[in-house]
Structures are given as structure tokens and as C-alpha cells.
All heavy atoms as atom14 arrays in JSON, in Angstrom:
{
  "sequence": "PGKERDFVAGIRSGGMTDYAESVKGRFTISRDNAKNAVYLQMNSLKPE",
  "atom14_mask": [
    [1, 1, 1, 1, 1, 1, 1, 0, 0, 0, 0, 0, 0, 0],
    [1, 1, 1, 1, 0, 0, 0, 0, 0, 0, 0, 0, 0, 0],
    [1, 1, 1, 1, 1, 1, 1, 1, 1, 0, 0, 0, 0, 0],
    [1, 1, 1, 1, 1, 1, 1, 1, 1, 0, 0, 0, 0, 0],
    [1, 1, 1, 1, 1, 1, 1, 1, 1, 1, 1, 0, 0, 0],
    [1, 1, 1, 1, 1, 1, 1, 1, 0, 0, 0, 0, 0, 0],
    [1, 1, 1, 1, 1, 1, 1, 1, 1, 1, 1, 0, 0, 0],
    [1, 1, 1, 1, 1, 1, 1, 0, 0, 0, 0, 0, 0, 0],
    [1, 1, 1, 1, 1, 0, 0, 0, 0, 0, 0, 0, 0, 0],
    [1, 1, 1, 1, 0, 0, 0, 0, 0, 0, 0, 0, 0, 0],
    [1, 1, 1, 1, 1, 1, 1, 1, 0, 0, 0, 0, 0, 0],
    [1, 1, 1, 1, 1, 1, 1, 1, 1, 1, 1, 0, 0, 0],
    [1, 1, 1, 1, 1, 1, 0, 0, 0, 0, 0, 0, 0, 0],
    [1, 1, 1, 1, 0, 0, 0, 0, 0, 0, 0, 0, 0, 0],
    [1, 1, 1, 1, 0, 0, 0, 0, 0, 0, 0, 0, 0, 0],
    [1, 1, 1, 1, 1, 1, 1, 1, 0, 0, 0, 0, 0, 0],
    [1, 1, 1, 1, 1, 1, 1, 0, 0, 0, 0, 0, 0, 0],
    [1, 1, 1, 1, 1, 1, 1, 1, 0, 0, 0, 0, 0, 0],
    [1, 1, 1, 1, 1, 1, 1, 1, 1, 1, 1, 1, 0, 0],
    [1, 1, 1, 1, 1, 0, 0, 0, 0, 0, 0, 0, 0, 0],
    [1, 1, 1, 1, 1, 1, 1, 1, 1, 0, 0, 0, 0, 0],
    [1, 1, 1, 1, 1, 1, 0, 0, 0, 0, 0, 0, 0, 0],
    [1, 1, 1, 1, 1, 1, 1, 0, 0, 0, 0, 0, 0, 0],
    [1, 1, 1, 1, 1, 1, 1, 1, 1, 0, 0, 0, 0, 0],
    [1, 1, 1, 1, 0, 0, 0, 0, 0, 0, 0, 0, 0, 0],
    [1, 1, 1, 1, 1, 1, 1, 1, 1, 1, 1, 0, 0, 0],
    [1, 1, 1, 1, 1, 1, 1, 1, 1, 1, 1, 0, 0, 0],
    [1, 1, 1, 1, 1, 1, 1, 0, 0, 0, 0, 0, 0, 0],
    [1, 1, 1, 1, 1, 1, 1, 1, 0, 0, 0, 0, 0, 0],
    [1, 1, 1, 1, 1, 1, 0, 0, 0, 0, 0, 0, 0, 0],
    [1, 1, 1, 1, 1, 1, 1, 1, 1, 1, 1, 0, 0, 0],
    [1, 1, 1, 1, 1, 1, 1, 1, 0, 0, 0, 0, 0, 0],
    [1, 1, 1, 1, 1, 1, 1, 1, 0, 0, 0, 0, 0, 0],
    [1, 1, 1, 1, 1, 0, 0, 0, 0, 0, 0, 0, 0, 0],
    [1, 1, 1, 1, 1, 1, 1, 1, 1, 0, 0, 0, 0, 0],
    [1, 1, 1, 1, 1, 1, 1, 1, 0, 0, 0, 0, 0, 0],
    [1, 1, 1, 1, 1, 0, 0, 0, 0, 0, 0, 0, 0, 0],
    [1, 1, 1, 1, 1, 1, 1, 0, 0, 0, 0, 0, 0, 0],
    [1, 1, 1, 1, 1, 1, 1, 1, 1, 1, 1, 1, 0, 0],
    [1, 1, 1, 1, 1, 1, 1, 1, 0, 0, 0, 0, 0, 0],
    [1, 1, 1, 1, 1, 1, 1, 1, 1, 0, 0, 0, 0, 0],
    [1, 1, 1, 1, 1, 1, 1, 1, 0, 0, 0, 0, 0, 0],
    [1, 1, 1, 1, 1, 1, 1, 1, 0, 0, 0, 0, 0, 0],
    [1, 1, 1, 1, 1, 1, 0, 0, 0, 0, 0, 0, 0, 0],
    [1, 1, 1, 1, 1, 1, 1, 1, 0, 0, 0, 0, 0, 0],
    [1, 1, 1, 1, 1, 1, 1, 1, 1, 0, 0, 0, 0, 0],
    [1, 1, 1, 1, 1, 1, 1, 0, 0, 0, 0, 0, 0, 0],
    [1, 1, 1, 1, 1, 1, 1, 1, 1, 0, 0, 0, 0, 0]
  ],
  "atom14_positions": [
    [[-27.06, 1.72, 6.71], [-26.26, 0.81, 5.85], [-26.71, 0.83, 4.46], [-27.9, 0.56, 4.18], [-26.23, -0.55, 6.61], [-26.56, -0.16, 8.05], [-27.47, 0.97, 7.97], [0.0, 0.0, 0.0], [0.0, 0.0, 0.0], [0.0, 0.0, 0.0], [0.0, 0.0, 0.0], [0.0, 0.0, 0.0], [0.0, 0.0, 0.0], [0.0, 0.0, 0.0]],
    [[-25.87, 0.95, 3.54], [-26.16, 0.88, 2.11], [-26.84, 1.96, 1.56], [-27.3, 1.91, 0.42], [0.0, 0.0, 0.0], [0.0, 0.0, 0.0], [0.0, 0.0, 0.0], [0.0, 0.0, 0.0], [0.0, 0.0, 0.0], [0.0, 0.0, 0.0], [0.0, 0.0, 0.0], [0.0, 0.0, 0.0], [0.0, 0.0, 0.0], [0.0, 0.0, 0.0]],
    [[-27.13, 3.07, 2.34], [-27.73, 4.29, 1.81], [-27.03, 5.57, 1.89], [-25.82, 5.52, 2.59], [-29.13, 4.43, 2.68], [-30.12, 3.41, 2.62], [-31.46, 3.74, 3.25], [-32.44, 2.65, 2.98], [-33.76, 2.95, 3.66], [0.0, 0.0, 0.0], [0.0, 0.0, 0.0], [0.0, 0.0, 0.0], [0.0, 0.0, 0.0], [0.0, 0.0, 0.0]],
    [[-27.43, 6.53, 1.27], [-26.71, 7.77, 1.36], [-26.9, 8.51, 2.65], [-27.75, 8.17, 3.51], [-27.13, 8.74, 0.22], [-26.85, 8.38, -1.14], [-27.29, 9.44, -2.17], [-28.23, 10.2, -1.94], [-26.64, 9.49, -3.28], [0.0, 0.0, 0.0], [0.0, 0.0, 0.0], [0.0, 0.0, 0.0], [0.0, 0.0, 0.0], [0.0, 0.0, 0.0]],
    [[-25.9, 9.45, 2.93], [-26.11, 10.29, 4.18], [-27.09, 11.39, 3.81], [-26.88, 12.28, 3.02], [-24.73, 10.86, 4.49], [-24.72, 11.53, 5.87], [-23.36, 11.89, 6.31], [-22.57, 10.72, 6.4], [-21.25, 10.72, 7.01], [-20.72, 11.99, 7.38], [-20.53, 9.69, 7.16], [0.0, 0.0, 0.0], [0.0, 0.0, 0.0], [0.0, 0.0, 0.0]],
    [[-28.24, 11.35, 4.52], [-29.34, 12.18, 4.22], [-29.62, 13.27, 5.3], [-29.3, 13.14, 6.49], [-30.67, 11.41, 4.18], [-30.71, 10.47, 2.95], [-29.98, 10.86, 1.88], [-31.36, 9.53, 3.07], [0.0, 0.0, 0.0], [0.0, 0.0, 0.0], [0.0, 0.0, 0.0], [0.0, 0.0, 0.0], [0.0, 0.0, 0.0], [0.0, 0.0, 0.0]],
    [[-30.05, 14.45, 4.91], [-30.34, 15.57, 5.71], [-31.41, 15.22, 6.64], [-32.51, 14.63, 6.32], [-30.72, 16.81, 4.79], [-31.25, 18.02, 5.71], [-30.34, 18.77, 6.29], [-32.55, 18.23, 5.72], [-30.81, 19.9, 6.9], [-33.02, 19.35, 6.45], [-32.18, 20.12, 7.05], [0.0, 0.0, 0.0], [0.0, 0.0, 0.0], [0.0, 0.0, 0.0]],
    [[-31.27, 15.61, 7.94], [-32.36, 15.48, 8.94], [-32.78, 16.83, 9.35], [-34.06, 17.03, 9.42], [-31.87, 14.66, 10.21], [-32.89, 14.62, 11.22], [-31.43, 13.28, 9.73], [0.0, 0.0, 0.0], [0.0, 0.0, 0.0], [0.0, 0.0, 0.0], [0.0, 0.0, 0.0], [0.0, 0.0, 0.0], [0.0, 0.0, 0.0], [0.0, 0.0, 0.0]],
    [[-31.94, 17.7, 9.93], [-32.28, 18.95, 10.38], [-31.16, 19.94, 10.3], [-30.04, 19.53, 10.42], [-32.86, 18.89, 11.89], [0.0, 0.0, 0.0], [0.0, 0.0, 0.0], [0.0, 0.0, 0.0], [0.0, 0.0, 0.0], [0.0, 0.0, 0.0], [0.0, 0.0, 0.0], [0.0, 0.0, 0.0], [0.0, 0.0, 0.0], [0.0, 0.0, 0.0]],
    [[-31.42, 21.26, 10.15], [-30.41, 22.27, 10.15], [-30.83, 23.46, 10.88], [-32.1, 23.7, 11.01], [0.0, 0.0, 0.0], [0.0, 0.0, 0.0], [0.0, 0.0, 0.0], [0.0, 0.0, 0.0], [0.0, 0.0, 0.0], [0.0, 0.0, 0.0], [0.0, 0.0, 0.0], [0.0, 0.0, 0.0], [0.0, 0.0, 0.0], [0.0, 0.0, 0.0]],
    [[-29.83, 24.32, 11.34], [-30.15, 25.54, 12.08], [-29.02, 26.5, 11.67], [-27.86, 26.3, 11.72], [-30.3, 25.39, 13.56], [-30.68, 26.6, 14.28], [-28.9, 24.86, 14.13], [-31.06, 26.45, 15.62], [0.0, 0.0, 0.0], [0.0, 0.0, 0.0], [0.0, 0.0, 0.0], [0.0, 0.0, 0.0], [0.0, 0.0, 0.0], [0.0, 0.0, 0.0]],
    [[-29.45, 27.72, 11.2], [-28.64, 28.78, 10.98], [-28.13, 29.54, 12.22], [-28.74, 29.47, 13.35], [-29.28, 29.89, 10.01], [-29.39, 29.3, 8.7], [-29.52, 30.3, 7.62], [-29.88, 29.81, 6.35], [-28.92, 29.25, 5.5], [-27.65, 29.22, 5.76], [-29.32, 28.7, 4.27], [0.0, 0.0, 0.0], [0.0, 0.0, 0.0], [0.0, 0.0, 0.0]],
    [[-27.22, 30.43, 12.18], [-26.66, 31.23, 13.23], [-27.76, 32.02, 13.95], [-27.77, 32.15, 15.27], [-25.65, 32.16, 12.85], [-25.93, 33.18, 12.01], [0.0, 0.0, 0.0], [0.0, 0.0, 0.0], [0.0, 0.0, 0.0], [0.0, 0.0, 0.0], [0.0, 0.0, 0.0], [0.0, 0.0, 0.0], [0.0, 0.0, 0.0], [0.0, 0.0, 0.0]],
    [[-28.65, 32.55, 13.21], [-29.88, 33.31, 13.69], [-31.05, 32.52, 14.21], [-31.92, 33.14, 14.73], [0.0, 0.0, 0.0], [0.0, 0.0, 0.0], [0.0, 0.0, 0.0], [0.0, 0.0, 0.0], [0.0, 0.0, 0.0], [0.0, 0.0, 0.0], [0.0, 0.0, 0.0], [0.0, 0.0, 0.0], [0.0, 0.0, 0.0], [0.0, 0.0, 0.0]],
    [[-30.93, 31.15, 14.16], [-32.01, 30.31, 14.68], [-32.91, 29.75, 13.68], [-33.79, 29.03, 14.11], [0.0, 0.0, 0.0], [0.0, 0.0, 0.0], [0.0, 0.0, 0.0], [0.0, 0.0, 0.0], [0.0, 0.0, 0.0], [0.0, 0.0, 0.0], [0.0, 0.0, 0.0], [0.0, 0.0, 0.0], [0.0, 0.0, 0.0], [0.0, 0.0, 0.0]],
    [[-32.96, 30.15, 12.49], [-33.77, 29.66, 11.38], [-33.57, 28.2, 11.24], [-32.42, 27.74, 11.11], [-33.7, 30.37, 10.06], [-34.65, 29.96, 9.05], [-34.21, 28.47, 8.02], [-32.88, 29.22, 7.02], [0.0, 0.0, 0.0], [0.0, 0.0, 0.0], [0.0, 0.0, 0.0], [0.0, 0.0, 0.0], [0.0, 0.0, 0.0], [0.0, 0.0, 0.0]],
    [[-34.62, 27.33, 11.13], [-34.5, 25.86, 11.12], [-35.09, 25.27, 9.83], [-35.96, 25.91, 9.26], [-35.09, 25.19, 12.28], [-36.46, 25.54, 12.38], [-34.37, 25.66, 13.66], [0.0, 0.0, 0.0], [0.0, 0.0, 0.0], [0.0, 0.0, 0.0], [0.0, 0.0, 0.0], [0.0, 0.0, 0.0], [0.0, 0.0, 0.0], [0.0, 0.0, 0.0]],
    [[-34.59, 24.09, 9.46], [-35.26, 23.35, 8.29], [-35.23, 21.91, 8.79], [-34.22, 21.49, 9.42], [-34.48, 23.61, 7.0], [-35.29, 23.2, 5.86], [-36.53, 22.97, 5.95], [-34.7, 23.03, 4.81], [0.0, 0.0, 0.0], [0.0, 0.0, 0.0], [0.0, 0.0, 0.0], [0.0, 0.0, 0.0], [0.0, 0.0, 0.0], [0.0, 0.0, 0.0]],
    [[-36.14, 21.17, 8.3], [-36.22, 19.77, 8.6], [-36.59, 18.76, 7.4], [-37.34, 19.26, 6.49], [-37.33, 19.44, 9.71], [-37.12, 20.24, 11.06], [-37.58, 21.38, 11.24], [-36.31, 19.49, 11.99], [-37.32, 22.12, 12.47], [-36.14, 20.04, 13.19], [-36.67, 21.38, 13.47], [-36.41, 21.95, 14.64], [0.0, 0.0, 0.0], [0.0, 0.0, 0.0]],
    [[-36.1, 17.69, 7.44], [-36.52, 16.63, 6.46], [-38.1, 16.42, 6.73], [-38.58, 16.42, 7.84], [-35.8, 15.39, 6.5], [0.0, 0.0, 0.0], [0.0, 0.0, 0.0], [0.0, 0.0, 0.0], [0.0, 0.0, 0.0], [0.0, 0.0, 0.0], [0.0, 0.0, 0.0], [0.0, 0.0, 0.0], [0.0, 0.0, 0.0], [0.0, 0.0, 0.0]],
    [[-38.83, 16.24, 5.64], [-40.27, 15.87, 5.72], [-40.51, 14.82, 6.67], [-41.49, 14.81, 7.41], [-40.81, 15.78, 4.35], [-42.38, 15.68, 4.34], [-42.98, 17.13, 4.76], [-42.36, 18.08, 4.54], [-43.99, 17.09, 5.25], [0.0, 0.0, 0.0], [0.0, 0.0, 0.0], [0.0, 0.0, 0.0], [0.0, 0.0, 0.0], [0.0, 0.0, 0.0]],
    [[-39.77, 13.73, 6.66], [-39.94, 12.53, 7.37], [-39.9, 12.73, 8.91], [-40.35, 11.93, 9.71], [-39.02, 11.45, 6.94], [-37.58, 11.78, 7.2], [0.0, 0.0, 0.0], [0.0, 0.0, 0.0], [0.0, 0.0, 0.0], [0.0, 0.0, 0.0], [0.0, 0.0, 0.0], [0.0, 0.0, 0.0], [0.0, 0.0, 0.0], [0.0, 0.0, 0.0]],
    [[-39.23, 13.89, 9.43], [-39.09, 14.1, 10.87], [-39.79, 15.34, 11.33], [-39.82, 15.57, 12.59], [-37.5, 14.15, 11.21], [-36.8, 12.9, 10.69], [-36.89, 15.47, 10.74], [0.0, 0.0, 0.0], [0.0, 0.0, 0.0], [0.0, 0.0, 0.0], [0.0, 0.0, 0.0], [0.0, 0.0, 0.0], [0.0, 0.0, 0.0], [0.0, 0.0, 0.0]],
    [[-40.5, 16.02, 10.43], [-41.11, 17.14, 10.94], [-42.27, 16.92, 11.76], [-42.98, 15.8, 11.7], [-41.85, 17.97, 9.63], [-40.8, 18.79, 8.93], [-41.61, 19.47, 7.73], [-40.49, 20.27, 6.94], [-41.2, 20.99, 5.82], [0.0, 0.0, 0.0], [0.0, 0.0, 0.0], [0.0, 0.0, 0.0], [0.0, 0.0, 0.0], [0.0, 0.0, 0.0]],
    [[-42.37, 17.63, 12.95], [-43.42, 17.31, 14.05], [-42.78, 16.3, 15.08], [-43.49, 16.31, 16.12], [0.0, 0.0, 0.0], [0.0, 0.0, 0.0], [0.0, 0.0, 0.0], [0.0, 0.0, 0.0], [0.0, 0.0, 0.0], [0.0, 0.0, 0.0], [0.0, 0.0, 0.0], [0.0, 0.0, 0.0], [0.0, 0.0, 0.0], [0.0, 0.0, 0.0]],
    [[-41.77, 15.62, 14.8], [-41.12, 14.73, 15.76], [-39.87, 15.14, 16.29], [-39.46, 14.86, 17.36], [-41.02, 13.3, 15.18], [-42.43, 12.71, 14.73], [-42.22, 11.27, 14.29], [-41.31, 11.14, 13.04], [-40.22, 10.37, 13.12], [-39.79, 9.71, 14.14], [-39.48, 10.29, 12.02], [0.0, 0.0, 0.0], [0.0, 0.0, 0.0], [0.0, 0.0, 0.0]],
    [[-39.02, 15.71, 15.52], [-37.6, 16.09, 15.82], [-37.55, 17.62, 15.89], [-38.18, 18.35, 15.22], [-36.58, 15.66, 14.74], [-36.39, 14.19, 14.65], [-37.19, 13.29, 15.34], [-35.3, 13.67, 13.9], [-36.95, 11.91, 15.21], [-35.1, 12.36, 13.7], [-35.99, 11.44, 14.39], [0.0, 0.0, 0.0], [0.0, 0.0, 0.0], [0.0, 0.0, 0.0]],
    [[-36.65, 18.13, 16.88], [-36.36, 19.52, 17.03], [-34.97, 19.65, 17.25], [-34.2, 19.05, 18.04], [-37.08, 20.09, 18.28], [-38.51, 19.83, 18.17], [-36.89, 21.57, 18.46], [0.0, 0.0, 0.0], [0.0, 0.0, 0.0], [0.0, 0.0, 0.0], [0.0, 0.0, 0.0], [0.0, 0.0, 0.0], [0.0, 0.0, 0.0], [0.0, 0.0, 0.0]],
    [[-34.4, 20.76, 16.34], [-33.0, 20.97, 16.48], [-32.87, 22.39, 17.28], [-33.73, 23.22, 17.09], [-32.37, 21.15, 15.08], [-30.79, 21.36, 15.15], [-32.96, 22.25, 14.26], [-30.07, 21.28, 13.79], [0.0, 0.0, 0.0], [0.0, 0.0, 0.0], [0.0, 0.0, 0.0], [0.0, 0.0, 0.0], [0.0, 0.0, 0.0], [0.0, 0.0, 0.0]],
    [[-31.91, 22.43, 18.08], [-31.65, 23.69, 18.8], [-30.17, 23.89, 18.97], [-29.37, 23.01, 18.65], [-32.39, 23.74, 20.09], [-31.94, 22.63, 20.91], [0.0, 0.0, 0.0], [0.0, 0.0, 0.0], [0.0, 0.0, 0.0], [0.0, 0.0, 0.0], [0.0, 0.0, 0.0], [0.0, 0.0, 0.0], [0.0, 0.0, 0.0], [0.0, 0.0, 0.0]],
    [[-29.82, 25.13, 19.43], [-28.32, 25.37, 19.68], [-28.25, 26.23, 20.85], [-29.12, 27.03, 21.3], [-27.73, 26.07, 18.44], [-28.23, 27.51, 18.1], [-27.72, 27.86, 16.84], [-26.38, 27.97, 16.65], [-25.56, 28.03, 15.54], [-26.25, 27.82, 14.38], [-24.24, 28.18, 15.53], [0.0, 0.0, 0.0], [0.0, 0.0, 0.0], [0.0, 0.0, 0.0]],
    [[-27.13, 26.17, 21.58], [-26.74, 27.01, 22.71], [-25.32, 27.51, 22.5], [-24.37, 26.8, 22.54], [-26.7, 26.07, 23.99], [-26.53, 26.92, 25.24], [-25.98, 28.01, 25.18], [-26.94, 26.4, 26.4], [0.0, 0.0, 0.0], [0.0, 0.0, 0.0], [0.0, 0.0, 0.0], [0.0, 0.0, 0.0], [0.0, 0.0, 0.0], [0.0, 0.0, 0.0]],
    [[-25.33, 28.62, 21.99], [-24.09, 29.31, 21.64], [-23.13, 29.47, 22.8], [-21.87, 29.6, 22.65], [-24.29, 30.67, 20.93], [-24.88, 30.46, 19.55], [-24.9, 29.44, 18.92], [-25.53, 31.6, 18.97], [0.0, 0.0, 0.0], [0.0, 0.0, 0.0], [0.0, 0.0, 0.0], [0.0, 0.0, 0.0], [0.0, 0.0, 0.0], [0.0, 0.0, 0.0]],
    [[-23.65, 29.75, 23.95], [-22.85, 29.97, 25.11], [-22.05, 28.63, 25.47], [-20.93, 28.7, 26.02], [-23.6, 30.27, 26.28], [0.0, 0.0, 0.0], [0.0, 0.0, 0.0], [0.0, 0.0, 0.0], [0.0, 0.0, 0.0], [0.0, 0.0, 0.0], [0.0, 0.0, 0.0], [0.0, 0.0, 0.0], [0.0, 0.0, 0.0], [0.0, 0.0, 0.0]],
    [[-22.56, 27.42, 25.0], [-22.04, 26.12, 25.36], [-21.31, 25.59, 24.04], [-20.81, 24.47, 24.09], [-23.08, 25.09, 25.83], [-23.56, 25.55, 27.18], [-24.62, 24.59, 27.74], [-25.17, 24.85, 29.03], [-26.05, 23.93, 29.62], [0.0, 0.0, 0.0], [0.0, 0.0, 0.0], [0.0, 0.0, 0.0], [0.0, 0.0, 0.0], [0.0, 0.0, 0.0]],
    [[-21.4, 26.29, 22.96], [-20.86, 25.76, 21.59], [-21.46, 24.35, 21.3], [-20.75, 23.35, 21.03], [-19.35, 25.71, 21.65], [-18.7, 26.98, 21.39], [-19.42, 28.05, 21.36], [-17.35, 27.01, 21.38], [0.0, 0.0, 0.0], [0.0, 0.0, 0.0], [0.0, 0.0, 0.0], [0.0, 0.0, 0.0], [0.0, 0.0, 0.0], [0.0, 0.0, 0.0]],
    [[-22.83, 24.3, 21.51], [-23.51, 23.01, 21.3], [-24.73, 23.11, 20.5], [-25.37, 24.09, 20.46], [-23.73, 22.4, 22.7], [0.0, 0.0, 0.0], [0.0, 0.0, 0.0], [0.0, 0.0, 0.0], [0.0, 0.0, 0.0], [0.0, 0.0, 0.0], [0.0, 0.0, 0.0], [0.0, 0.0, 0.0], [0.0, 0.0, 0.0], [0.0, 0.0, 0.0]],
    [[-25.08, 21.9, 19.8], [-26.14, 21.8, 19.15], [-26.9, 20.47, 19.39], [-26.13, 19.54, 19.76], [-25.96, 21.86, 17.56], [-25.12, 20.75, 17.06], [-27.23, 21.92, 16.74], [0.0, 0.0, 0.0], [0.0, 0.0, 0.0], [0.0, 0.0, 0.0], [0.0, 0.0, 0.0], [0.0, 0.0, 0.0], [0.0, 0.0, 0.0], [0.0, 0.0, 0.0]],
    [[-28.24, 20.43, 19.51], [-29.01, 19.3, 19.88], [-29.96, 18.86, 18.9], [-30.36, 19.76, 18.17], [-29.68, 19.69, 21.26], [-28.8, 20.25, 22.34], [-28.77, 21.62, 22.51], [-27.85, 19.51, 23.08], [-27.79, 22.21, 23.4], [-27.04, 20.03, 23.97], [-27.05, 21.41, 24.19], [-26.12, 22.06, 25.06], [0.0, 0.0, 0.0], [0.0, 0.0, 0.0]],
    [[-30.33, 17.68, 18.98], [-31.49, 17.06, 18.21], [-32.34, 16.26, 19.16], [-31.95, 15.18, 19.58], [-30.98, 16.24, 17.06], [-32.04, 15.72, 16.09], [-32.55, 16.89, 15.35], [-31.46, 14.6, 15.24], [0.0, 0.0, 0.0], [0.0, 0.0, 0.0], [0.0, 0.0, 0.0], [0.0, 0.0, 0.0], [0.0, 0.0, 0.0], [0.0, 0.0, 0.0]],
    [[-33.51, 16.89, 19.46], [-34.52, 16.17, 20.34], [-35.31, 15.35, 19.37], [-36.01, 15.83, 18.4], [-35.31, 17.13, 21.03], [-36.46, 16.47, 21.91], [-35.9, 15.58, 22.96], [-35.08, 16.04, 23.82], [-36.48, 14.52, 23.32], [0.0, 0.0, 0.0], [0.0, 0.0, 0.0], [0.0, 0.0, 0.0], [0.0, 0.0, 0.0], [0.0, 0.0, 0.0]],
    [[-35.35, 14.05, 19.62], [-36.04, 13.01, 18.76], [-37.24, 12.4, 19.53], [-36.95, 11.64, 20.55], [-35.14, 11.99, 18.18], [-33.93, 12.62, 17.42], [-32.8, 11.34, 16.59], [-32.24, 10.48, 18.11], [0.0, 0.0, 0.0], [0.0, 0.0, 0.0], [0.0, 0.0, 0.0], [0.0, 0.0, 0.0], [0.0, 0.0, 0.0], [0.0, 0.0, 0.0]],
    [[-38.44, 12.64, 19.22], [-39.54, 12.04, 19.82], [-40.24, 11.11, 18.87], [-40.08, 11.15, 17.69], [-40.55, 13.09, 20.25], [-39.91, 14.08, 21.23], [-39.01, 13.68, 22.07], [-40.34, 15.32, 21.22], [0.0, 0.0, 0.0], [0.0, 0.0, 0.0], [0.0, 0.0, 0.0], [0.0, 0.0, 0.0], [0.0, 0.0, 0.0], [0.0, 0.0, 0.0]],
    [[-41.08, 10.2, 19.48], [-41.91, 9.22, 18.67], [-41.05, 8.49, 17.67], [-41.36, 8.4, 16.48], [-43.04, 10.06, 17.99], [-43.86, 10.7, 18.86], [0.0, 0.0, 0.0], [0.0, 0.0, 0.0], [0.0, 0.0, 0.0], [0.0, 0.0, 0.0], [0.0, 0.0, 0.0], [0.0, 0.0, 0.0], [0.0, 0.0, 0.0], [0.0, 0.0, 0.0]],
    [[-39.91, 7.98, 18.09], [-38.96, 7.34, 17.19], [-39.68, 6.17, 16.54], [-40.44, 5.41, 17.12], [-37.73, 6.95, 18.04], [-36.85, 8.11, 18.21], [-35.74, 7.74, 19.26], [-36.07, 8.51, 16.96], [0.0, 0.0, 0.0], [0.0, 0.0, 0.0], [0.0, 0.0, 0.0], [0.0, 0.0, 0.0], [0.0, 0.0, 0.0], [0.0, 0.0, 0.0]],
    [[-39.2, 5.88, 15.33], [-39.62, 4.81, 14.41], [-38.54, 4.01, 14.07], [-37.38, 4.45, 13.92], [-40.42, 5.39, 13.18], [-41.56, 6.29, 13.52], [-42.12, 6.87, 12.19], [-43.24, 7.75, 12.45], [-43.74, 8.43, 11.21], [0.0, 0.0, 0.0], [0.0, 0.0, 0.0], [0.0, 0.0, 0.0], [0.0, 0.0, 0.0], [0.0, 0.0, 0.0]],
    [[-38.81, 2.67, 13.69], [-37.65, 1.84, 13.22], [-36.99, 2.43, 12.01], [-35.71, 2.24, 11.95], [-38.45, 0.53, 12.85], [-39.5, 0.41, 13.88], [-39.98, 1.82, 13.91], [0.0, 0.0, 0.0], [0.0, 0.0, 0.0], [0.0, 0.0, 0.0], [0.0, 0.0, 0.0], [0.0, 0.0, 0.0], [0.0, 0.0, 0.0], [0.0, 0.0, 0.0]],
    [[-37.69, 3.07, 11.16], [-37.01, 3.75, 9.99], [-36.11, 4.87, 10.4], [-35.32, 5.32, 9.49], [-37.96, 4.19, 8.97], [-39.09, 4.95, 9.56], [-40.41, 4.22, 9.9], [-40.3, 3.19, 10.49], [-41.43, 4.75, 9.49], [0.0, 0.0, 0.0], [0.0, 0.0, 0.0], [0.0, 0.0, 0.0], [0.0, 0.0, 0.0], [0.0, 0.0, 0.0]]
  ]
}
């Protein structure tokens, strides 16, 4: 609330990924093309 929509993680068609510095080492993005789905695994969650 009250903030901009900020980048968290992205993945290209070939699997290359990028992450916001604040989530590196904690979040993992992945995709399953057979299921037309993308996922975000979030570990060690913080209030922020």
C-alpha cells in the first residue's frame, strides 16, 4: 500500500532468471511450459 509495483523475479523462455536484490537467496522463480505455469518459491519470509 502506498508504494510502486516493484520487480521481484523474472524468467525468460530459455530459463535465464533475474531477481531483485532484496530476495536473492530466498526466492526462486521457475516455469513449467507443459503446464503453462510459472511459480515463485518464497523461503525465509520477512515482514517486509
